[in-house]
Amino acid sequence: MEEFLRYLIINLVGTPEGLELTEHRSGNKTVFRLRLPRQEIGKMVGKQGRTIEAIRNLLSTTAARHGQKASFQILEV
């Protein structure tokens, strides 16, 4: 899942500079935390939050196929 998420992020943001993706596991739940510079956060959120919503839906669906749960958070550097 991390590779999939990293692929999406790099294609949306463009440059991986200042990008930090961490994965925290607890049982069958995984929390991905993305740290980005402030000027890049808007690209990830999208208009009215549609982009981040789509990413979260894809991630949840992918995790569910493997019998897991996943969430995605964006943090400012």
N, C-alpha and C. Protein backbone atom coordinates (compact mmCIF):
# COMPACT_ATOMS: atom_id res chain seq x y z
N MET A 1 0.82 -1.20 0.00
CA MET A 1 0.00 0.00 0.00
C MET A 1 0.86 1.26 0.00
N GLU A 2 1.99 1.20 0.70
CA GLU A 2 2.84 2.38 0.77
C GLU A 2 3.38 2.76 -0.60
N GLU A 3 3.76 1.77 -1.40
CA GLU A 3 4.26 2.04 -2.75
C GLU A 3 3.19 2.71 -3.60
N PHE A 4 1.97 2.20 -3.51
CA PHE A 4 0.84 2.76 -4.24
C PHE A 4 0.61 4.21 -3.84
N LEU A 5 0.61 4.48 -2.55
CA LEU A 5 0.38 5.82 -2.04
C LEU A 5 1.51 6.76 -2.46
N ARG A 6 2.74 6.29 -2.36
CA ARG A 6 3.90 7.11 -2.75
C ARG A 6 3.82 7.46 -4.25
N TYR A 7 3.40 6.50 -5.07
CA TYR A 7 3.24 6.74 -6.50
C TYR A 7 2.23 7.86 -6.75
N LEU A 8 1.08 7.80 -6.08
CA LEU A 8 0.05 8.83 -6.24
C LEU A 8 0.57 10.20 -5.81
N ILE A 9 1.22 10.24 -4.67
CA ILE A 9 1.70 11.51 -4.11
C ILE A 9 2.72 12.16 -5.02
N ILE A 10 3.69 11.40 -5.48
CA ILE A 10 4.74 11.97 -6.33
C ILE A 10 4.16 12.49 -7.64
N ASN A 11 3.16 11.79 -8.18
CA ASN A 11 2.55 12.26 -9.42
C ASN A 11 1.69 13.49 -9.21
N LEU A 12 1.13 13.68 -8.04
CA LEU A 12 0.33 14.87 -7.76
C LEU A 12 1.20 16.07 -7.42
N VAL A 13 2.19 15.85 -6.58
CA VAL A 13 3.03 16.95 -6.09
C VAL A 13 4.08 17.31 -7.13
N GLY A 14 4.64 16.34 -7.81
CA GLY A 14 5.63 16.62 -8.83
C GLY A 14 7.04 16.33 -8.37
N THR A 15 7.48 16.97 -7.30
CA THR A 15 8.83 16.75 -6.80
C THR A 15 8.77 16.17 -5.39
N PRO A 16 9.58 15.16 -5.13
CA PRO A 16 9.56 14.54 -3.81
C PRO A 16 10.35 15.30 -2.74
N GLU A 17 10.79 16.51 -3.02
CA GLU A 17 11.55 17.29 -2.05
C GLU A 17 10.66 17.71 -0.88
N GLY A 18 11.13 17.44 0.32
CA GLY A 18 10.38 17.81 1.50
C GLY A 18 9.24 16.85 1.82
N LEU A 19 9.15 15.78 1.06
CA LEU A 19 8.08 14.80 1.23
C LEU A 19 8.53 13.73 2.22
N GLU A 20 7.71 13.48 3.22
CA GLU A 20 8.03 12.44 4.20
C GLU A 20 6.77 11.63 4.46
N LEU A 21 6.78 10.37 4.06
CA LEU A 21 5.64 9.48 4.25
C LEU A 21 6.03 8.43 5.28
N THR A 22 5.26 8.35 6.38
CA THR A 22 5.52 7.36 7.41
C THR A 22 4.31 6.45 7.54
N GLU A 23 4.58 5.25 7.99
CA GLU A 23 3.55 4.23 8.14
C GLU A 23 3.57 3.74 9.59
N HIS A 24 2.42 3.79 10.26
CA HIS A 24 2.29 3.34 11.64
C HIS A 24 1.26 2.22 11.67
N ARG A 25 1.68 1.03 12.12
CA ARG A 25 0.79 -0.13 12.15
C ARG A 25 0.38 -0.45 13.58
N SER A 26 -0.86 -0.84 13.71
CA SER A 26 -1.39 -1.27 14.99
C SER A 26 -2.42 -2.36 14.71
N GLY A 27 -2.03 -3.61 14.89
CA GLY A 27 -2.93 -4.71 14.56
C GLY A 27 -3.20 -4.76 13.08
N ASN A 28 -4.47 -4.69 12.70
CA ASN A 28 -4.81 -4.72 11.28
C ASN A 28 -5.09 -3.32 10.73
N LYS A 29 -4.76 -2.28 11.50
CA LYS A 29 -4.98 -0.91 11.05
C LYS A 29 -3.64 -0.23 10.77
N THR A 30 -3.58 0.46 9.65
CA THR A 30 -2.38 1.20 9.26
C THR A 30 -2.74 2.66 9.07
N VAL A 31 -1.92 3.55 9.64
CA VAL A 31 -2.11 4.99 9.48
C VAL A 31 -0.90 5.51 8.71
N PHE A 32 -1.17 6.13 7.58
CA PHE A 32 -0.12 6.76 6.79
C PHE A 32 -0.14 8.25 7.09
N ARG A 33 1.02 8.81 7.40
CA ARG A 33 1.13 10.24 7.66
C ARG A 33 2.09 10.85 6.66
N LEU A 34 1.61 11.88 6.00
CA LEU A 34 2.39 12.56 4.97
C LEU A 34 2.74 13.96 5.46
N ARG A 35 4.02 14.26 5.48
CA ARG A 35 4.47 15.62 5.82
C ARG A 35 4.89 16.31 4.53
N LEU A 36 4.30 17.49 4.31
CA LEU A 36 4.56 18.26 3.11
C LEU A 36 4.77 19.72 3.47
N PRO A 37 5.52 20.46 2.63
CA PRO A 37 5.58 21.90 2.82
C PRO A 37 4.20 22.51 2.57
N ARG A 38 3.93 23.62 3.20
CA ARG A 38 2.62 24.27 3.12
C ARG A 38 2.15 24.50 1.69
N GLN A 39 3.04 24.93 0.80
CA GLN A 39 2.64 25.25 -0.57
C GLN A 39 2.24 24.02 -1.38
N GLU A 40 2.60 22.83 -0.94
CA GLU A 40 2.26 21.60 -1.65
C GLU A 40 0.96 20.95 -1.14
N ILE A 41 0.51 21.33 0.03
CA ILE A 41 -0.67 20.71 0.63
C ILE A 41 -1.91 20.92 -0.24
N GLY A 42 -2.04 22.08 -0.83
CA GLY A 42 -3.20 22.37 -1.68
C GLY A 42 -3.33 21.41 -2.85
N LYS A 43 -2.21 20.97 -3.40
CA LYS A 43 -2.25 20.01 -4.51
C LYS A 43 -2.81 18.67 -4.04
N MET A 44 -2.53 18.29 -2.82
CA MET A 44 -3.01 17.01 -2.29
C MET A 44 -4.48 17.08 -1.90
N VAL A 45 -4.91 18.21 -1.38
CA VAL A 45 -6.29 18.35 -0.93
C VAL A 45 -7.23 18.53 -2.12
N GLY A 46 -6.85 19.35 -3.07
CA GLY A 46 -7.67 19.57 -4.25
C GLY A 46 -8.85 20.49 -3.96
N LYS A 47 -9.62 20.77 -4.99
CA LYS A 47 -10.79 21.64 -4.84
C LYS A 47 -11.83 20.96 -3.97
N GLN A 48 -12.22 21.65 -2.93
CA GLN A 48 -13.23 21.19 -1.97
C GLN A 48 -12.89 19.82 -1.38
N GLY A 49 -11.59 19.49 -1.35
CA GLY A 49 -11.15 18.25 -0.73
C GLY A 49 -11.41 17.00 -1.55
N ARG A 50 -11.69 17.18 -2.82
CA ARG A 50 -12.04 16.02 -3.65
C ARG A 50 -10.86 15.09 -3.89
N THR A 51 -9.67 15.65 -4.06
CA THR A 51 -8.49 14.82 -4.34
C THR A 51 -8.15 13.96 -3.13
N ILE A 52 -8.10 14.56 -1.95
CA ILE A 52 -7.76 13.80 -0.74
C ILE A 52 -8.84 12.76 -0.45
N GLU A 53 -10.07 13.09 -0.72
CA GLU A 53 -11.18 12.15 -0.52
C GLU A 53 -11.01 10.94 -1.44
N ALA A 54 -10.64 11.18 -2.69
CA ALA A 54 -10.44 10.08 -3.64
C ALA A 54 -9.27 9.20 -3.22
N ILE A 55 -8.18 9.82 -2.76
CA ILE A 55 -7.02 9.06 -2.30
C ILE A 55 -7.39 8.20 -1.10
N ARG A 56 -8.12 8.76 -0.17
CA ARG A 56 -8.53 7.99 1.02
C ARG A 56 -9.45 6.83 0.64
N ASN A 57 -10.34 7.05 -0.32
CA ASN A 57 -11.23 5.97 -0.78
C ASN A 57 -10.44 4.85 -1.45
N LEU A 58 -9.48 5.21 -2.29
CA LEU A 58 -8.65 4.20 -2.94
C LEU A 58 -7.84 3.41 -1.92
N LEU A 59 -7.28 4.11 -0.95
CA LEU A 59 -6.48 3.46 0.08
C LEU A 59 -7.33 2.52 0.93
N SER A 60 -8.51 2.96 1.32
CA SER A 60 -9.40 2.13 2.12
C SER A 60 -9.84 0.88 1.35
N THR A 61 -10.14 1.05 0.09
CA THR A 61 -10.56 -0.08 -0.74
C THR A 61 -9.42 -1.09 -0.91
N THR A 62 -8.23 -0.59 -1.15
CA THR A 62 -7.07 -1.47 -1.30
C THR A 62 -6.80 -2.23 -0.01
N ALA A 63 -6.88 -1.53 1.12
CA ALA A 63 -6.65 -2.18 2.41
C ALA A 63 -7.72 -3.22 2.70
N ALA A 64 -8.97 -2.93 2.38
CA ALA A 64 -10.06 -3.86 2.63
C ALA A 64 -9.90 -5.16 1.84
N ARG A 65 -9.34 -5.07 0.67
CA ARG A 65 -9.10 -6.27 -0.14
C ARG A 65 -8.11 -7.21 0.54
N HIS A 66 -7.26 -6.65 1.39
CA HIS A 66 -6.27 -7.45 2.12
C HIS A 66 -6.70 -7.70 3.56
N GLY A 67 -7.96 -7.40 3.89
CA GLY A 67 -8.47 -7.64 5.22
C GLY A 67 -7.93 -6.68 6.27
N GLN A 68 -7.56 -5.48 5.84
CA GLN A 68 -6.99 -4.49 6.75
C GLN A 68 -7.80 -3.20 6.68
N LYS A 69 -7.42 -2.25 7.54
CA LYS A 69 -7.99 -0.92 7.52
C LYS A 69 -6.83 0.07 7.37
N ALA A 70 -7.08 1.16 6.67
CA ALA A 70 -6.02 2.15 6.47
C ALA A 70 -6.62 3.55 6.49
N SER A 71 -5.83 4.48 7.00
CA SER A 71 -6.23 5.90 6.96
C SER A 71 -5.03 6.72 6.52
N PHE A 72 -5.31 7.95 6.12
CA PHE A 72 -4.29 8.82 5.53
C PHE A 72 -4.43 10.21 6.12
N GLN A 73 -3.34 10.75 6.63
CA GLN A 73 -3.33 12.09 7.23
C GLN A 73 -2.25 12.93 6.56
N ILE A 74 -2.54 14.21 6.41
CA ILE A 74 -1.56 15.15 5.87
C ILE A 74 -1.17 16.11 6.97
N LEU A 75 0.13 16.26 7.17
CA LEU A 75 0.66 17.16 8.19
C LEU A 75 1.55 18.21 7.52
N GLU A 76 1.55 19.40 8.06
CA GLU A 76 2.38 20.47 7.52
C GLU A 76 3.76 20.43 8.17
N VAL A 77 4.78 20.63 7.35
CA VAL A 77 6.17 20.65 7.85
C VAL A 77 6.42 21.92 8.60
